[in-house]
Protein backbone atom coordinates (compact mmCIF):
# COMPACT_ATOMS: atom_id res chain seq x y z
CA UNK A 1 -16.08 59.47 16.99
CA UNK A 2 -15.30 56.87 14.28
CA UNK A 3 -16.31 56.93 10.81
CA UNK A 4 -18.52 53.81 10.37
CA UNK A 5 -19.78 51.91 7.27
CA UNK A 6 -22.37 49.13 6.78
CA UNK A 7 -21.00 46.28 4.51
CA UNK A 8 -24.20 44.73 3.36
CA UNK A 9 -26.28 44.98 0.28
CA UNK A 10 -25.16 45.38 -3.17
CA UNK A 11 -24.92 49.23 -3.39
CA UNK A 12 -23.64 49.71 0.15
CA UNK A 13 -21.02 47.23 -0.26
CA UNK A 14 -19.49 48.81 -3.27
CA UNK A 15 -19.76 52.33 -1.63
CA UNK A 16 -17.74 50.92 1.50
CA UNK A 17 -14.81 49.43 -0.78
CA UNK A 18 -14.66 52.83 -2.27
CA UNK A 19 -14.19 54.58 1.31
CA UNK A 20 -12.11 51.74 2.37
CA UNK A 21 -9.69 52.06 -0.64
CA UNK A 22 -9.47 55.82 0.16
CA UNK A 23 -8.85 55.26 4.03
CA UNK A 24 -12.25 57.24 4.72
CA UNK A 25 -13.64 54.52 7.07
CA UNK A 26 -12.49 53.01 10.77
CA UNK A 27 -15.25 50.64 11.48
CA UNK A 28 -17.13 48.45 9.34
CA UNK A 29 -20.25 46.39 10.33
CA UNK A 30 -21.21 43.32 8.69
CA UNK A 31 -23.12 40.06 9.49
CA UNK A 32 -21.50 36.53 9.54
CA UNK A 33 -23.15 35.40 6.31
CA UNK A 34 -22.32 38.57 4.23
CA UNK A 35 -18.44 38.38 5.83
CA UNK A 36 -18.30 34.64 4.79
CA UNK A 37 -19.78 35.24 1.13
CA UNK A 38 -17.57 38.16 0.35
CA UNK A 39 -14.38 37.70 2.46
CA UNK A 40 -12.05 37.80 -0.74
CA UNK A 41 -13.44 41.37 -0.97
CA UNK A 42 -12.76 42.08 2.52
CA UNK A 43 -9.58 40.45 2.65
CA UNK A 44 -8.38 43.14 -0.14
CA UNK A 45 -7.85 45.52 2.80
CA UNK A 46 -5.72 45.96 5.81
CA UNK A 47 -7.42 45.39 8.98
CA UNK A 48 -6.17 46.53 12.29
CA UNK A 49 -8.64 44.07 14.07
CA UNK A 50 -11.68 41.97 13.45
CA UNK A 51 -14.37 41.68 16.28
CA UNK A 52 -16.86 38.89 15.62
CA UNK A 53 -19.99 39.06 18.12
CA UNK A 54 -21.81 35.77 18.40
CA UNK A 55 -18.68 34.24 18.25
CA UNK A 56 -19.83 30.60 19.20
CA UNK A 57 -21.56 30.57 15.75
CA UNK A 58 -18.15 29.45 14.44
CA UNK A 59 -17.68 26.38 16.47
CA UNK A 60 -18.12 23.94 14.09
CA UNK A 61 -14.64 23.64 12.28
CA UNK A 62 -16.42 21.95 9.16
CA UNK A 63 -18.49 24.79 8.52
CA UNK A 64 -18.38 27.18 5.73
CA UNK A 65 -18.65 30.36 7.57
CA UNK A 66 -15.86 28.95 10.19
CA UNK A 67 -13.40 27.98 7.48
CA UNK A 68 -13.84 31.51 5.85
CA UNK A 69 -13.51 33.39 9.10
CA UNK A 70 -10.13 31.39 9.51
CA UNK A 71 -9.21 32.90 6.22
CA UNK A 72 -9.68 36.49 7.66
CA UNK A 73 -6.12 38.33 7.79
CA UNK A 74 -6.52 41.20 10.49
CA UNK A 75 -3.80 41.82 12.60
CA UNK A 76 -6.12 41.22 15.76
CA UNK A 77 -8.83 38.70 16.17
CA UNK A 78 -11.59 39.23 18.99
CA UNK A 79 -14.27 37.06 19.46
CA UNK A 80 -17.38 38.05 21.65
CA UNK A 81 -19.86 35.43 23.20
CA UNK A 82 -21.78 34.58 26.48
CA UNK A 83 -21.96 30.88 25.64
CA UNK A 84 -18.46 29.54 24.37
CA UNK A 85 -18.85 26.26 25.55
CA UNK A 86 -22.35 24.67 25.03
CA UNK A 87 -21.69 21.03 24.00
CA UNK A 88 -18.15 19.83 24.16
CA UNK A 89 -14.66 20.63 24.33
CA UNK A 90 -14.14 20.30 20.52
CA UNK A 91 -16.55 23.41 19.94
CA UNK A 92 -14.05 25.30 22.25
CA UNK A 93 -11.03 24.16 20.35
CA UNK A 94 -12.55 25.30 17.16
CA UNK A 95 -12.92 28.61 18.64
CA UNK A 96 -9.33 28.84 20.35
CA UNK A 97 -8.16 27.61 16.78
CA UNK A 98 -9.38 30.85 15.09
CA UNK A 99 -7.02 33.04 16.93
CA UNK A 100 -3.78 31.57 15.83
C-alpha cells in the first residue's frame, strides 16, 4: 500500500504540498496541464521517479508542456504510451530527449 494524493485543485494542491513536506506521501497523481502550470511548486520536492502516462502528448519540442516537463527534476523518468511515433522521427527524438 502507498500513501497517494491528488495534486489538482487549489485546496487539494495545498494539502498535498503539506503532506509532501512532512514526507507523508509516496505517490502523487496529477494531469499534464496541472503539472505544467505548477511545476515550480512540484520541483520544490525531491522526486524518486516521475511516470507520465500518455507520454506521446509531449512530442512537440516547442510546446509549453514539453518545455516544462523537461524542467522536472526526478531521479528517474518513465514515459508510458501506446503510440510513440505517430508522424515522424522528430517526435520520437523529442520523447527520447526528455530522458536526458
